[in-house]
């Protein structure tokens, strides 16, 4: 689970800036209240939240400064699909539901893809956009 992201973080640590991993209490609360896919929970458990490629923010579920609920409500008011919870924003915006992950154009909310796994989302959206610019191998 999350093998591609984990490998890139290990190979290219200069383009990933994550805070501390979530503690078990916050993971329990996130799982219970937000019902994220298991691979997002595993990601938060291992890496936490933070920045990738200078502009892409993985959100912490209950952060005081930029919470998932605040960003989700803001984006839904602008036209994001109502069944999603936003976990990432930057040059694209991404959300999850019980079936997986979706990415959208940040201006038009046109869908960019639906993915069963966090690695699928990362490889086909984030790494596709930033990989060449930052010299990440395939």
C-alpha atoms as a PDB file:
ATOM      1  CA  UNK A   1       0.000   0.000   0.000  1.00  0.00           C
ATOM      2  CA  UNK A   2       1.320   3.438  -1.014  1.00  0.00           C
ATOM      3  CA  UNK A   3       4.501   1.865  -2.385  1.00  0.00           C
ATOM      4  CA  UNK A   4       5.082   4.383  -5.204  1.00  0.00           C
ATOM      5  CA  UNK A   5       4.636   7.402  -2.934  1.00  0.00           C
ATOM      6  CA  UNK A   6       6.844   5.833  -0.262  1.00  0.00           C
ATOM      7  CA  UNK A   7       9.568   5.068  -2.841  1.00  0.00           C
ATOM      8  CA  UNK A   8       9.519   8.615  -4.223  1.00  0.00           C
ATOM      9  CA  UNK A   9       9.667  10.131  -0.738  1.00  0.00           C
ATOM     10  CA  UNK A  10      12.729   7.994   0.003  1.00  0.00           C
ATOM     11  CA  UNK A  11      14.434   8.768  -3.353  1.00  0.00           C
ATOM     12  CA  UNK A  12      13.550  12.464  -3.587  1.00  0.00           C
ATOM     13  CA  UNK A  13      13.209  13.836  -0.054  1.00  0.00           C
ATOM     14  CA  UNK A  14      13.817  17.424  -1.204  1.00  0.00           C
ATOM     15  CA  UNK A  15      10.391  17.650  -2.883  1.00  0.00           C
ATOM     16  CA  UNK A  16       8.315  16.287   0.016  1.00  0.00           C
ATOM     17  CA  UNK A  17       7.816  18.259   3.231  1.00  0.00           C
ATOM     18  CA  UNK A  18       5.537  16.470   5.657  1.00  0.00           C
ATOM     19  CA  UNK A  19       4.689  17.256   9.247  1.00  0.00           C
ATOM     20  CA  UNK A  20       4.776  14.545  11.855  1.00  0.00           C
ATOM     21  CA  UNK A  21       2.571  11.490  11.339  1.00  0.00           C
ATOM     22  CA  UNK A  22      -0.895  11.573  12.839  1.00  0.00           C
ATOM     23  CA  UNK A  23      -1.214   9.986  16.257  1.00  0.00           C
ATOM     24  CA  UNK A  24      -3.569   7.082  16.860  1.00  0.00           C
ATOM     25  CA  UNK A  25      -6.254   9.284  18.457  1.00  0.00           C
ATOM     26  CA  UNK A  26      -6.429  11.563  15.405  1.00  0.00           C
ATOM     27  CA  UNK A  27      -6.382   8.569  13.045  1.00  0.00           C
ATOM     28  CA  UNK A  28      -9.233   6.962  14.986  1.00  0.00           C
ATOM     29  CA  UNK A  29     -11.238  10.179  14.860  1.00  0.00           C
ATOM     30  CA  UNK A  30     -10.553  10.638  11.130  1.00  0.00           C
ATOM     31  CA  UNK A  31     -11.534   7.050  10.378  1.00  0.00           C
ATOM     32  CA  UNK A  32     -14.710   7.315  12.388  1.00  0.00           C
ATOM     33  CA  UNK A  33     -15.870  10.759  11.243  1.00  0.00           C
ATOM     34  CA  UNK A  34     -14.507  11.028   7.684  1.00  0.00           C
ATOM     35  CA  UNK A  35     -14.290   7.367   6.640  1.00  0.00           C
ATOM     36  CA  UNK A  36     -11.292   7.825   4.330  1.00  0.00           C
ATOM     37  CA  UNK A  37      -9.942   4.930   2.270  1.00  0.00           C
ATOM     38  CA  UNK A  38      -7.497   2.742   4.183  1.00  0.00           C
ATOM     39  CA  UNK A  39      -4.506   3.796   2.104  1.00  0.00           C
ATOM     40  CA  UNK A  40      -5.044   7.461   3.032  1.00  0.00           C
ATOM     41  CA  UNK A  41      -5.169   6.452   6.706  1.00  0.00           C
ATOM     42  CA  UNK A  42      -1.950   4.487   6.180  1.00  0.00           C
ATOM     43  CA  UNK A  43      -0.349   7.515   4.508  1.00  0.00           C
ATOM     44  CA  UNK A  44      -1.306   9.799   7.406  1.00  0.00           C
ATOM     45  CA  UNK A  45      -0.028   7.187   9.880  1.00  0.00           C
ATOM     46  CA  UNK A  46       3.346   7.008   8.142  1.00  0.00           C
ATOM     47  CA  UNK A  47       3.902  10.560   6.869  1.00  0.00           C
ATOM     48  CA  UNK A  48       1.248  12.926   8.195  1.00  0.00           C
ATOM     49  CA  UNK A  49       0.272  15.898   6.049  1.00  0.00           C
ATOM     50  CA  UNK A  50       2.192  18.665   4.306  1.00  0.00           C
ATOM     51  CA  UNK A  51       3.573  19.754   0.955  1.00  0.00           C
ATOM     52  CA  UNK A  52       4.776  18.009  -2.182  1.00  0.00           C
ATOM     53  CA  UNK A  53       6.433  19.787  -5.111  1.00  0.00           C
ATOM     54  CA  UNK A  54       6.138  23.210  -3.428  1.00  0.00           C
ATOM     55  CA  UNK A  55       2.439  23.680  -4.273  1.00  0.00           C
ATOM     56  CA  UNK A  56       0.552  20.471  -3.476  1.00  0.00           C
ATOM     57  CA  UNK A  57      -0.837  20.241   0.041  1.00  0.00           C
ATOM     58  CA  UNK A  58      -2.018  16.996   1.608  1.00  0.00           C
ATOM     59  CA  UNK A  59      -4.392  18.098   4.346  1.00  0.00           C
ATOM     60  CA  UNK A  60      -4.426  17.026   7.962  1.00  0.00           C
ATOM     61  CA  UNK A  61      -7.957  15.959   8.923  1.00  0.00           C
ATOM     62  CA  UNK A  62      -8.484  18.338  11.840  1.00  0.00           C
ATOM     63  CA  UNK A  63      -5.803  21.019  11.491  1.00  0.00           C
ATOM     64  CA  UNK A  64      -6.469  24.378  13.080  1.00  0.00           C
ATOM     65  CA  UNK A  65      -5.074  26.447  10.204  1.00  0.00           C
ATOM     66  CA  UNK A  66      -6.320  24.666   7.057  1.00  0.00           C
ATOM     67  CA  UNK A  67      -8.780  21.918   7.946  1.00  0.00           C
ATOM     68  CA  UNK A  68     -10.265  19.410   5.545  1.00  0.00           C
ATOM     69  CA  UNK A  69     -13.781  20.473   6.506  1.00  0.00           C
ATOM     70  CA  UNK A  70     -13.049  24.149   5.761  1.00  0.00           C
ATOM     71  CA  UNK A  71     -11.494  23.400   2.356  1.00  0.00           C
ATOM     72  CA  UNK A  72     -14.223  20.878   1.508  1.00  0.00           C
ATOM     73  CA  UNK A  73     -17.032  23.319   2.286  1.00  0.00           C
ATOM     74  CA  UNK A  74     -15.281  26.116   0.404  1.00  0.00           C
ATOM     75  CA  UNK A  75     -14.819  23.960  -2.685  1.00  0.00           C
ATOM     76  CA  UNK A  76     -18.361  22.552  -2.573  1.00  0.00           C
ATOM     77  CA  UNK A  77     -19.696  26.113  -2.510  1.00  0.00           C
ATOM     78  CA  UNK A  78     -17.724  26.697  -5.724  1.00  0.00           C
ATOM     79  CA  UNK A  79     -19.035  23.580  -7.486  1.00  0.00           C
ATOM     80  CA  UNK A  80     -17.148  20.515  -6.269  1.00  0.00           C
ATOM     81  CA  UNK A  81     -19.188  17.316  -6.146  1.00  0.00           C
ATOM     82  CA  UNK A  82     -21.014  17.081  -2.839  1.00  0.00           C
ATOM     83  CA  UNK A  83     -20.151  13.457  -2.001  1.00  0.00           C
ATOM     84  CA  UNK A  84     -16.405  14.111  -1.746  1.00  0.00           C
ATOM     85  CA  UNK A  85     -14.157  15.151   1.116  1.00  0.00           C
ATOM     86  CA  UNK A  86     -11.145  17.183  -0.030  1.00  0.00           C
ATOM     87  CA  UNK A  87      -7.776  15.830   1.134  1.00  0.00           C
ATOM     88  CA  UNK A  88      -5.483  17.643  -1.308  1.00  0.00           C
ATOM     89  CA  UNK A  89      -5.294  20.959  -3.110  1.00  0.00           C
ATOM     90  CA  UNK A  90      -2.783  22.761  -5.285  1.00  0.00           C
ATOM     91  CA  UNK A  91      -2.726  22.969  -9.074  1.00  0.00           C
ATOM     92  CA  UNK A  92      -5.503  20.360  -8.928  1.00  0.00           C
ATOM     93  CA  UNK A  93      -7.964  19.523  -6.184  1.00  0.00           C
ATOM     94  CA  UNK A  94      -8.570  15.984  -4.966  1.00  0.00           C
ATOM     95  CA  UNK A  95     -11.157  14.326  -2.801  1.00  0.00           C
ATOM     96  CA  UNK A  96     -12.181  10.927  -1.553  1.00  0.00           C
ATOM     97  CA  UNK A  97     -15.345   8.990  -0.926  1.00  0.00           C
ATOM     98  CA  UNK A  98     -16.017   5.396   0.065  1.00  0.00           C
ATOM     99  CA  UNK A  99     -15.041   4.164  -3.416  1.00  0.00           C
ATOM    100  CA  UNK A 100     -11.673   5.870  -3.785  1.00  0.00           C
ATOM    101  CA  UNK A 101     -10.127   9.097  -4.985  1.00  0.00           C
ATOM    102  CA  UNK A 102     -11.011  11.730  -7.586  1.00  0.00           C
ATOM    103  CA  UNK A 103      -9.019  14.641  -8.981  1.00  0.00           C
ATOM    104  CA  UNK A 104     -10.432  17.788 -10.568  1.00  0.00           C
ATOM    105  CA  UNK A 105      -9.261  20.864 -12.394  1.00  0.00           C
ATOM    106  CA  UNK A 106      -9.018  23.552  -9.744  1.00  0.00           C
ATOM    107  CA  UNK A 107     -10.728  26.208 -11.874  1.00  0.00           C
ATOM    108  CA  UNK A 108     -13.496  24.317 -13.684  1.00  0.00           C
ATOM    109  CA  UNK A 109     -13.956  21.253 -11.448  1.00  0.00           C
ATOM    110  CA  UNK A 110     -13.816  19.112 -14.582  1.00  0.00           C
ATOM    111  CA  UNK A 111     -12.830  15.582 -13.558  1.00  0.00           C
ATOM    112  CA  UNK A 112      -9.258  14.491 -14.236  1.00  0.00           C
ATOM    113  CA  UNK A 113      -9.717  10.914 -13.112  1.00  0.00           C
ATOM    114  CA  UNK A 114     -11.022   8.454 -10.560  1.00  0.00           C
ATOM    115  CA  UNK A 115      -8.651   6.082  -8.772  1.00  0.00           C
ATOM    116  CA  UNK A 116      -9.090   3.076  -6.523  1.00  0.00           C
ATOM    117  CA  UNK A 117      -5.865   3.702  -4.614  1.00  0.00           C
ATOM    118  CA  UNK A 118      -3.839   6.613  -3.311  1.00  0.00           C
ATOM    119  CA  UNK A 119      -0.869   5.355  -5.341  1.00  0.00           C
ATOM    120  CA  UNK A 120      -3.037   5.366  -8.474  1.00  0.00           C
ATOM    121  CA  UNK A 121      -4.009   8.970  -7.746  1.00  0.00           C
ATOM    122  CA  UNK A 122      -0.397   9.959  -7.048  1.00  0.00           C
ATOM    123  CA  UNK A 123       1.094   8.325 -10.178  1.00  0.00           C
ATOM    124  CA  UNK A 124      -1.641   9.389 -12.612  1.00  0.00           C
ATOM    125  CA  UNK A 125      -2.221  12.921 -11.347  1.00  0.00           C
ATOM    126  CA  UNK A 126       0.539  14.354  -9.159  1.00  0.00           C
ATOM    127  CA  UNK A 127       3.552  12.517 -10.557  1.00  0.00           C
ATOM    128  CA  UNK A 128       2.217  12.960 -14.083  1.00  0.00           C
ATOM    129  CA  UNK A 129       2.145  16.733 -13.586  1.00  0.00           C
ATOM    130  CA  UNK A 130       5.377  17.176 -11.616  1.00  0.00           C
ATOM    131  CA  UNK A 131       7.540  14.132 -12.313  1.00  0.00           C
ATOM    132  CA  UNK A 132       9.457  15.424 -15.302  1.00  0.00           C
ATOM    133  CA  UNK A 133       9.913  18.928 -13.883  1.00  0.00           C
ATOM    134  CA  UNK A 134      11.408  17.532 -10.668  1.00  0.00           C
ATOM    135  CA  UNK A 135      13.386  14.736 -12.312  1.00  0.00           C
ATOM    136  CA  UNK A 136      11.417  11.831 -10.836  1.00  0.00           C
ATOM    137  CA  UNK A 137      11.902   8.539 -12.649  1.00  0.00           C
ATOM    138  CA  UNK A 138       8.871   6.529 -13.709  1.00  0.00           C
END
